[in-house]
Amino acid sequence: MEGRKTVVVAVDGSEHSKKAFDWYCGNLHQSGDQIVFVHAIDVERRPVVMHPRTYGMAYYDSFVKWFDKTRNQSKTMMESFADTCRNNKYNFKLVTELGKPGEVICQAANQEKADHIVMGSRGLGTVRRTLLGSVSDYMLHHSCIPVSVVPPAAKQE
């Protein structure tokens, strides 16, 4: 790829996403590249607190507390990546959106006209991956641009 690239780095606060960013910095980054950090807040995966007399209605207050906590954690995480970029004089942008992670990452990549997506893999087992699906699997099947999935560290025996 000639010239400046725009690379989406999907982040979620895990060691897997930090490792993916480190891999990007050590293997793909070139001077002048634009890094777009994308974080999705998946409200469908929020914990639901039920009240016995509401027949399935979640407490509004518990949702607001969860959302505020999640938003603050997201802001702290994104600022950590921003600090690293400032220290290394990288061009960057922070994107946090509500939605399913795979969809949010694809939309951000399209909007930013990204050339590449880098993300970590959580290394879910076969059963969990089958039941829950995985964001990396979604990206590999729905992205129109190259996706690099950085595997988790090898387990020490």
N, C-alpha and C. Protein backbone atom coordinates (compact mmCIF):
# COMPACT_ATOMS: atom_id res chain seq x y z
N MET A 1 0.83 -1.18 0.00
CA MET A 1 0.00 0.00 0.00
C MET A 1 0.88 1.24 0.00
N GLU A 2 0.71 2.07 -0.95
CA GLU A 2 1.50 3.29 -1.08
C GLU A 2 0.85 4.42 -0.29
N GLY A 3 1.68 5.31 0.24
CA GLY A 3 1.18 6.49 0.91
C GLY A 3 0.54 6.19 2.25
N ARG A 4 -0.24 7.14 2.69
CA ARG A 4 -0.88 7.07 3.99
C ARG A 4 -2.01 6.06 3.99
N LYS A 5 -2.04 5.20 5.00
CA LYS A 5 -3.12 4.23 5.17
C LYS A 5 -3.98 4.65 6.35
N THR A 6 -5.24 4.26 6.29
CA THR A 6 -6.13 4.40 7.44
C THR A 6 -6.39 3.00 7.95
N VAL A 7 -6.06 2.77 9.21
CA VAL A 7 -6.19 1.45 9.80
C VAL A 7 -7.11 1.52 11.02
N VAL A 8 -8.16 0.71 11.00
CA VAL A 8 -9.05 0.60 12.16
C VAL A 8 -8.45 -0.43 13.11
N VAL A 9 -8.32 -0.05 14.37
CA VAL A 9 -7.90 -0.98 15.41
C VAL A 9 -9.08 -1.12 16.36
N ALA A 10 -9.67 -2.32 16.39
CA ALA A 10 -10.83 -2.59 17.24
C ALA A 10 -10.34 -2.84 18.66
N VAL A 11 -10.91 -2.13 19.63
CA VAL A 11 -10.46 -2.24 21.01
C VAL A 11 -11.65 -2.45 21.95
N ASP A 12 -11.38 -3.20 23.03
CA ASP A 12 -12.43 -3.45 24.01
C ASP A 12 -11.92 -3.40 25.45
N GLY A 13 -10.69 -2.96 25.64
CA GLY A 13 -10.14 -2.88 26.98
C GLY A 13 -9.43 -4.14 27.44
N SER A 14 -9.49 -5.19 26.65
CA SER A 14 -8.86 -6.45 27.03
C SER A 14 -7.38 -6.45 26.65
N GLU A 15 -6.66 -7.40 27.23
CA GLU A 15 -5.26 -7.58 26.85
C GLU A 15 -5.15 -7.97 25.38
N HIS A 16 -6.19 -8.65 24.86
CA HIS A 16 -6.19 -9.07 23.46
C HIS A 16 -6.15 -7.85 22.52
N SER A 17 -6.93 -6.82 22.86
CA SER A 17 -6.93 -5.65 21.98
C SER A 17 -5.64 -4.84 22.15
N LYS A 18 -5.07 -4.82 23.35
CA LYS A 18 -3.78 -4.16 23.54
C LYS A 18 -2.69 -4.87 22.74
N LYS A 19 -2.74 -6.20 22.75
CA LYS A 19 -1.77 -6.98 21.98
C LYS A 19 -1.93 -6.71 20.48
N ALA A 20 -3.18 -6.58 20.02
CA ALA A 20 -3.42 -6.30 18.61
C ALA A 20 -2.83 -4.94 18.22
N PHE A 21 -3.01 -3.94 19.08
CA PHE A 21 -2.44 -2.62 18.81
C PHE A 21 -0.91 -2.69 18.79
N ASP A 22 -0.33 -3.40 19.75
CA ASP A 22 1.13 -3.56 19.77
C ASP A 22 1.62 -4.24 18.50
N TRP A 23 0.87 -5.26 18.06
CA TRP A 23 1.24 -5.96 16.83
C TRP A 23 1.18 -5.00 15.63
N TYR A 24 0.12 -4.21 15.58
CA TYR A 24 0.00 -3.22 14.50
C TYR A 24 1.21 -2.28 14.50
N CYS A 25 1.55 -1.74 15.68
CA CYS A 25 2.67 -0.80 15.77
C CYS A 25 3.98 -1.43 15.32
N GLY A 26 4.19 -2.68 15.66
CA GLY A 26 5.44 -3.34 15.32
C GLY A 26 5.51 -3.93 13.93
N ASN A 27 4.35 -4.11 13.28
CA ASN A 27 4.35 -4.82 12.00
C ASN A 27 3.77 -4.05 10.81
N LEU A 28 2.82 -3.18 11.05
CA LEU A 28 2.15 -2.52 9.93
C LEU A 28 2.33 -1.01 9.88
N HIS A 29 2.48 -0.39 11.03
CA HIS A 29 2.46 1.07 11.08
C HIS A 29 3.59 1.69 10.27
N GLN A 30 3.21 2.72 9.50
CA GLN A 30 4.17 3.53 8.77
C GLN A 30 3.88 4.99 9.08
N SER A 31 4.92 5.79 9.04
CA SER A 31 4.77 7.21 9.31
C SER A 31 3.68 7.81 8.42
N GLY A 32 2.80 8.57 9.03
CA GLY A 32 1.72 9.21 8.28
C GLY A 32 0.42 8.43 8.29
N ASP A 33 0.45 7.18 8.73
CA ASP A 33 -0.79 6.39 8.79
C ASP A 33 -1.76 7.02 9.79
N GLN A 34 -3.03 6.83 9.54
CA GLN A 34 -4.10 7.27 10.44
C GLN A 34 -4.64 6.04 11.15
N ILE A 35 -4.60 6.03 12.48
CA ILE A 35 -5.15 4.93 13.27
C ILE A 35 -6.51 5.37 13.78
N VAL A 36 -7.52 4.54 13.55
CA VAL A 36 -8.86 4.82 14.05
C VAL A 36 -9.19 3.73 15.07
N PHE A 37 -9.20 4.10 16.35
CA PHE A 37 -9.57 3.17 17.41
C PHE A 37 -11.08 3.11 17.47
N VAL A 38 -11.63 1.90 17.40
CA VAL A 38 -13.09 1.73 17.42
C VAL A 38 -13.47 0.86 18.60
N HIS A 39 -14.39 1.39 19.41
CA HIS A 39 -14.92 0.64 20.55
C HIS A 39 -16.44 0.65 20.47
N ALA A 40 -17.03 -0.53 20.62
CA ALA A 40 -18.49 -0.65 20.60
C ALA A 40 -18.99 -0.92 22.01
N ILE A 41 -20.01 -0.18 22.41
CA ILE A 41 -20.70 -0.46 23.66
C ILE A 41 -21.96 -1.23 23.28
N ASP A 42 -21.95 -2.51 23.61
CA ASP A 42 -23.04 -3.42 23.22
C ASP A 42 -24.11 -3.43 24.31
N VAL A 43 -25.15 -2.61 24.13
CA VAL A 43 -26.20 -2.52 25.15
C VAL A 43 -27.03 -3.79 25.25
N GLU A 44 -26.99 -4.64 24.22
CA GLU A 44 -27.73 -5.89 24.28
C GLU A 44 -27.07 -6.89 25.22
N ARG A 45 -25.81 -6.70 25.56
CA ARG A 45 -25.10 -7.61 26.46
C ARG A 45 -25.04 -7.08 27.89
N ARG A 46 -25.77 -6.02 28.17
CA ARG A 46 -25.74 -5.45 29.51
C ARG A 46 -26.39 -6.43 30.50
N PRO A 47 -25.96 -6.36 31.76
CA PRO A 47 -26.63 -7.19 32.77
C PRO A 47 -28.03 -6.65 33.01
N VAL A 48 -28.98 -7.52 33.13
CA VAL A 48 -30.36 -7.10 33.35
C VAL A 48 -30.76 -7.46 34.77
N VAL A 49 -31.20 -6.45 35.51
CA VAL A 49 -31.67 -6.67 36.87
C VAL A 49 -33.19 -6.67 36.83
N MET A 50 -33.78 -7.74 37.29
CA MET A 50 -35.23 -7.88 37.23
C MET A 50 -35.85 -7.61 38.60
N HIS A 51 -37.00 -7.04 38.58
CA HIS A 51 -37.79 -6.86 39.79
C HIS A 51 -38.93 -7.87 39.72
N PRO A 52 -39.18 -8.61 40.81
CA PRO A 52 -40.18 -9.69 40.75
C PRO A 52 -41.57 -9.25 40.31
N ARG A 53 -41.93 -8.01 40.55
CA ARG A 53 -43.30 -7.58 40.21
C ARG A 53 -43.40 -6.89 38.85
N THR A 54 -42.31 -6.80 38.12
CA THR A 54 -42.36 -6.10 36.84
C THR A 54 -42.48 -7.05 35.66
N TYR A 55 -42.46 -8.34 35.91
CA TYR A 55 -42.63 -9.35 34.85
C TYR A 55 -41.68 -9.12 33.67
N GLY A 56 -40.39 -9.06 34.00
CA GLY A 56 -39.39 -8.97 32.94
C GLY A 56 -38.89 -7.57 32.62
N MET A 57 -39.44 -6.55 33.24
CA MET A 57 -38.98 -5.19 32.98
C MET A 57 -37.71 -4.92 33.77
N ALA A 58 -36.71 -4.40 33.11
CA ALA A 58 -35.45 -4.09 33.79
C ALA A 58 -35.59 -2.75 34.49
N TYR A 59 -34.92 -2.63 35.59
CA TYR A 59 -34.89 -1.34 36.28
C TYR A 59 -34.19 -0.31 35.40
N TYR A 60 -34.79 0.82 35.25
CA TYR A 60 -34.17 1.90 34.49
C TYR A 60 -32.90 2.37 35.19
N ASP A 61 -32.98 2.51 36.52
CA ASP A 61 -31.82 2.99 37.28
C ASP A 61 -30.61 2.07 37.12
N SER A 62 -30.84 0.75 37.11
CA SER A 62 -29.71 -0.16 36.98
C SER A 62 -29.07 -0.03 35.59
N PHE A 63 -29.90 0.22 34.58
CA PHE A 63 -29.35 0.41 33.24
C PHE A 63 -28.51 1.68 33.19
N VAL A 64 -29.03 2.76 33.77
CA VAL A 64 -28.31 4.03 33.75
C VAL A 64 -26.97 3.89 34.47
N LYS A 65 -26.97 3.21 35.62
CA LYS A 65 -25.71 2.99 36.36
C LYS A 65 -24.73 2.17 35.52
N TRP A 66 -25.24 1.09 34.91
CA TRP A 66 -24.38 0.26 34.07
C TRP A 66 -23.82 1.08 32.90
N PHE A 67 -24.69 1.84 32.26
CA PHE A 67 -24.26 2.61 31.09
C PHE A 67 -23.22 3.66 31.47
N ASP A 68 -23.46 4.38 32.57
CA ASP A 68 -22.49 5.39 33.02
C ASP A 68 -21.14 4.76 33.33
N LYS A 69 -21.17 3.62 34.03
CA LYS A 69 -19.93 2.93 34.37
C LYS A 69 -19.21 2.47 33.10
N THR A 70 -19.96 1.88 32.17
CA THR A 70 -19.38 1.39 30.92
C THR A 70 -18.81 2.53 30.09
N ARG A 71 -19.54 3.63 30.02
CA ARG A 71 -19.07 4.79 29.26
C ARG A 71 -17.78 5.37 29.87
N ASN A 72 -17.72 5.42 31.19
CA ASN A 72 -16.51 5.92 31.85
C ASN A 72 -15.32 4.99 31.62
N GLN A 73 -15.56 3.68 31.69
CA GLN A 73 -14.49 2.71 31.41
C GLN A 73 -14.01 2.85 29.97
N SER A 74 -14.95 3.07 29.05
CA SER A 74 -14.61 3.24 27.64
C SER A 74 -13.75 4.48 27.44
N LYS A 75 -14.15 5.56 28.08
CA LYS A 75 -13.40 6.82 27.95
C LYS A 75 -11.97 6.66 28.48
N THR A 76 -11.83 6.00 29.63
CA THR A 76 -10.51 5.77 30.22
C THR A 76 -9.64 4.92 29.29
N MET A 77 -10.24 3.85 28.75
CA MET A 77 -9.52 2.96 27.85
C MET A 77 -9.06 3.72 26.60
N MET A 78 -9.97 4.46 26.00
CA MET A 78 -9.64 5.18 24.77
C MET A 78 -8.56 6.24 25.03
N GLU A 79 -8.62 6.89 26.17
CA GLU A 79 -7.60 7.89 26.50
C GLU A 79 -6.23 7.25 26.67
N SER A 80 -6.20 6.01 27.15
CA SER A 80 -4.94 5.29 27.28
C SER A 80 -4.31 5.07 25.90
N PHE A 81 -5.12 4.65 24.93
CA PHE A 81 -4.61 4.49 23.56
C PHE A 81 -4.20 5.84 22.97
N ALA A 82 -4.98 6.88 23.27
CA ALA A 82 -4.66 8.22 22.77
C ALA A 82 -3.32 8.70 23.33
N ASP A 83 -3.08 8.46 24.62
CA ASP A 83 -1.81 8.86 25.22
C ASP A 83 -0.63 8.18 24.53
N THR A 84 -0.78 6.88 24.27
CA THR A 84 0.28 6.14 23.58
C THR A 84 0.54 6.75 22.20
N CYS A 85 -0.53 7.08 21.49
CA CYS A 85 -0.37 7.68 20.16
C CYS A 85 0.28 9.05 20.23
N ARG A 86 -0.13 9.86 21.20
CA ARG A 86 0.49 11.19 21.35
C ARG A 86 1.99 11.05 21.63
N ASN A 87 2.32 10.12 22.52
CA ASN A 87 3.74 9.92 22.89
C ASN A 87 4.57 9.47 21.69
N ASN A 88 3.96 8.74 20.77
CA ASN A 88 4.67 8.23 19.59
C ASN A 88 4.45 9.09 18.35
N LYS A 89 3.71 10.18 18.51
CA LYS A 89 3.40 11.11 17.41
C LYS A 89 2.66 10.41 16.26
N TYR A 90 1.73 9.51 16.62
CA TYR A 90 0.88 8.84 15.63
C TYR A 90 -0.36 9.69 15.38
N ASN A 91 -0.84 9.69 14.14
CA ASN A 91 -2.13 10.30 13.82
C ASN A 91 -3.21 9.32 14.27
N PHE A 92 -4.22 9.81 14.97
CA PHE A 92 -5.24 8.89 15.46
C PHE A 92 -6.59 9.58 15.60
N LYS A 93 -7.59 8.75 15.72
CA LYS A 93 -8.97 9.20 15.95
C LYS A 93 -9.61 8.16 16.86
N LEU A 94 -10.49 8.61 17.75
CA LEU A 94 -11.20 7.72 18.66
C LEU A 94 -12.67 7.67 18.28
N VAL A 95 -13.21 6.47 18.15
CA VAL A 95 -14.62 6.29 17.80
C VAL A 95 -15.25 5.33 18.81
N THR A 96 -16.27 5.79 19.51
CA THR A 96 -17.04 4.93 20.41
C THR A 96 -18.49 5.03 19.99
N GLU A 97 -19.10 3.89 19.73
CA GLU A 97 -20.49 3.85 19.27
C GLU A 97 -21.26 2.79 20.03
N LEU A 98 -22.57 2.97 20.12
CA LEU A 98 -23.45 1.95 20.67
C LEU A 98 -23.79 0.96 19.58
N GLY A 99 -23.77 -0.33 19.90
CA GLY A 99 -24.17 -1.33 18.93
C GLY A 99 -23.39 -2.62 19.06
N LYS A 100 -23.72 -3.56 18.20
CA LYS A 100 -23.01 -4.83 18.18
C LYS A 100 -21.60 -4.59 17.64
N PRO A 101 -20.60 -5.14 18.30
CA PRO A 101 -19.21 -4.83 17.92
C PRO A 101 -18.89 -5.04 16.44
N GLY A 102 -19.24 -6.16 15.87
CA GLY A 102 -18.93 -6.41 14.46
C GLY A 102 -19.53 -5.37 13.54
N GLU A 103 -20.79 -5.03 13.79
CA GLU A 103 -21.47 -4.04 12.96
C GLU A 103 -20.84 -2.66 13.12
N VAL A 104 -20.53 -2.29 14.37
CA VAL A 104 -19.92 -0.98 14.64
C VAL A 104 -18.56 -0.87 13.95
N ILE A 105 -17.76 -1.93 14.04
CA ILE A 105 -16.42 -1.91 13.43
C ILE A 105 -16.53 -1.78 11.91
N CYS A 106 -17.42 -2.56 11.30
CA CYS A 106 -17.61 -2.48 9.84
C CYS A 106 -18.07 -1.08 9.41
N GLN A 107 -19.04 -0.52 10.14
CA GLN A 107 -19.55 0.81 9.80
C GLN A 107 -18.45 1.86 9.92
N ALA A 108 -17.68 1.78 11.00
CA ALA A 108 -16.59 2.76 11.19
C ALA A 108 -15.55 2.62 10.09
N ALA A 109 -15.21 1.39 9.73
CA ALA A 109 -14.23 1.17 8.66
C ALA A 109 -14.73 1.77 7.34
N ASN A 110 -16.01 1.59 7.06
CA ASN A 110 -16.59 2.17 5.84
C ASN A 110 -16.58 3.69 5.89
N GLN A 111 -17.02 4.26 7.02
CA GLN A 111 -17.09 5.72 7.15
C GLN A 111 -15.71 6.37 7.06
N GLU A 112 -14.71 5.70 7.61
CA GLU A 112 -13.35 6.25 7.62
C GLU A 112 -12.57 5.89 6.36
N LYS A 113 -13.21 5.12 5.46
CA LYS A 113 -12.54 4.65 4.25
C LYS A 113 -11.22 3.94 4.60
N ALA A 114 -11.32 3.04 5.57
CA ALA A 114 -10.15 2.33 6.08
C ALA A 114 -9.59 1.37 5.04
N ASP A 115 -8.29 1.15 5.13
CA ASP A 115 -7.59 0.22 4.25
C ASP A 115 -7.39 -1.14 4.89
N HIS A 116 -7.50 -1.20 6.22
CA HIS A 116 -7.18 -2.43 6.94
C HIS A 116 -7.84 -2.37 8.32
N ILE A 117 -8.18 -3.53 8.87
CA ILE A 117 -8.71 -3.64 10.22
C ILE A 117 -7.80 -4.59 11.00
N VAL A 118 -7.44 -4.19 12.21
CA VAL A 118 -6.63 -5.03 13.10
C VAL A 118 -7.42 -5.24 14.38
N MET A 119 -7.47 -6.50 14.82
CA MET A 119 -8.20 -6.80 16.05
C MET A 119 -7.59 -8.01 16.73
N GLY A 120 -7.88 -8.16 18.00
CA GLY A 120 -7.40 -9.31 18.74
C GLY A 120 -8.42 -10.43 18.69
N SER A 121 -7.96 -11.60 19.06
CA SER A 121 -8.84 -12.76 19.18
C SER A 121 -8.83 -13.20 20.62
N ARG A 122 -10.00 -13.44 21.16
CA ARG A 122 -10.09 -13.85 22.56
C ARG A 122 -9.78 -15.32 22.75
N GLY A 123 -9.76 -16.08 21.68
CA GLY A 123 -9.46 -17.49 21.80
C GLY A 123 -10.57 -18.27 22.48
N LEU A 124 -11.81 -17.96 22.11
CA LEU A 124 -12.95 -18.69 22.68
C LEU A 124 -12.86 -20.16 22.31
N GLY A 125 -13.31 -21.01 23.20
CA GLY A 125 -13.38 -22.44 22.88
C GLY A 125 -14.45 -22.69 21.84
N THR A 126 -14.46 -23.90 21.31
CA THR A 126 -15.39 -24.25 20.24
C THR A 126 -16.84 -24.06 20.65
N VAL A 127 -17.22 -24.49 21.85
CA VAL A 127 -18.61 -24.39 22.30
C VAL A 127 -19.01 -22.94 22.47
N ARG A 128 -18.20 -22.15 23.16
CA ARG A 128 -18.54 -20.73 23.37
C ARG A 128 -18.61 -19.99 22.05
N ARG A 129 -17.67 -20.27 21.15
CA ARG A 129 -17.67 -19.59 19.85
C ARG A 129 -18.93 -19.95 19.07
N THR A 130 -19.35 -21.23 19.15
CA THR A 130 -20.55 -21.67 18.44
C THR A 130 -21.79 -21.02 19.02
N LEU A 131 -21.88 -20.95 20.34
CA LEU A 131 -23.06 -20.37 20.99
C LEU A 131 -23.09 -18.85 20.89
N LEU A 132 -21.96 -18.21 21.12
CA LEU A 132 -21.92 -16.75 21.17
C LEU A 132 -21.53 -16.10 19.86
N GLY A 133 -20.87 -16.86 19.00
CA GLY A 133 -20.29 -16.25 17.81
C GLY A 133 -19.06 -15.48 18.24
N SER A 134 -18.31 -14.99 17.30
CA SER A 134 -17.15 -14.18 17.67
C SER A 134 -17.10 -12.97 16.76
N VAL A 135 -16.59 -11.89 17.32
CA VAL A 135 -16.49 -10.66 16.55
C VAL A 135 -15.50 -10.85 15.40
N SER A 136 -14.39 -11.54 15.67
CA SER A 136 -13.41 -11.75 14.59
C SER A 136 -14.00 -12.58 13.46
N ASP A 137 -14.80 -13.58 13.79
CA ASP A 137 -15.47 -14.38 12.75
C ASP A 137 -16.43 -13.51 11.94
N TYR A 138 -17.19 -12.66 12.63
CA TYR A 138 -18.10 -11.74 11.95
C TYR A 138 -17.31 -10.85 10.98
N MET A 139 -16.20 -10.30 11.46
CA MET A 139 -15.41 -9.40 10.63
C MET A 139 -14.86 -10.10 9.40
N LEU A 140 -14.38 -11.31 9.57
CA LEU A 140 -13.82 -12.05 8.44
C LEU A 140 -14.86 -12.32 7.36
N HIS A 141 -16.12 -12.42 7.75
CA HIS A 141 -17.19 -12.71 6.79
C HIS A 141 -17.90 -11.46 6.25
N HIS A 142 -17.77 -10.33 6.93
CA HIS A 142 -18.52 -9.14 6.52
C HIS A 142 -17.67 -7.96 6.07
N SER A 143 -16.38 -7.98 6.32
CA SER A 143 -15.53 -6.86 5.95
C SER A 143 -15.18 -6.93 4.46
N CYS A 144 -15.12 -5.76 3.84
CA CYS A 144 -14.72 -5.67 2.43
C CYS A 144 -13.24 -5.32 2.28
N ILE A 145 -12.55 -5.18 3.41
CA ILE A 145 -11.12 -4.86 3.39
C ILE A 145 -10.37 -5.91 4.20
N PRO A 146 -9.04 -5.98 4.06
CA PRO A 146 -8.28 -6.98 4.82
C PRO A 146 -8.45 -6.82 6.32
N VAL A 147 -8.51 -7.95 7.01
CA VAL A 147 -8.64 -7.99 8.47
C VAL A 147 -7.49 -8.84 9.02
N SER A 148 -6.75 -8.28 9.95
CA SER A 148 -5.72 -9.05 10.65
C SER A 148 -6.24 -9.38 12.04
N VAL A 149 -6.31 -10.67 12.36
CA VAL A 149 -6.75 -11.12 13.68
C VAL A 149 -5.51 -11.61 14.41
N VAL A 150 -5.15 -10.91 15.47
CA VAL A 150 -3.96 -11.24 16.24
C VAL A 150 -4.35 -12.26 17.30
N PRO A 151 -3.74 -13.46 17.27
CA PRO A 151 -4.14 -14.51 18.20
C PRO A 151 -3.68 -14.21 19.62
N PRO A 152 -4.32 -14.87 20.60
CA PRO A 152 -3.87 -14.69 21.99
C PRO A 152 -2.49 -15.31 22.16
N ALA A 153 -1.82 -14.93 23.22
CA ALA A 153 -0.49 -15.48 23.50
C ALA A 153 -0.61 -16.99 23.70
N ALA A 154 0.41 -17.70 23.26
CA ALA A 154 0.43 -19.16 23.44
C ALA A 154 0.47 -19.48 24.93
N LYS A 155 -0.29 -20.50 25.33
CA LYS A 155 -0.32 -20.89 26.73
C LYS A 155 0.98 -21.58 27.10
N GLN A 156 1.52 -21.21 28.25
CA GLN A 156 2.75 -21.83 28.75
C GLN A 156 2.42 -23.19 29.33
N GLU A 157 3.21 -24.19 29.02
CA GLU A 157 2.96 -25.53 29.58
C GLU A 157 3.97 -25.85 30.63
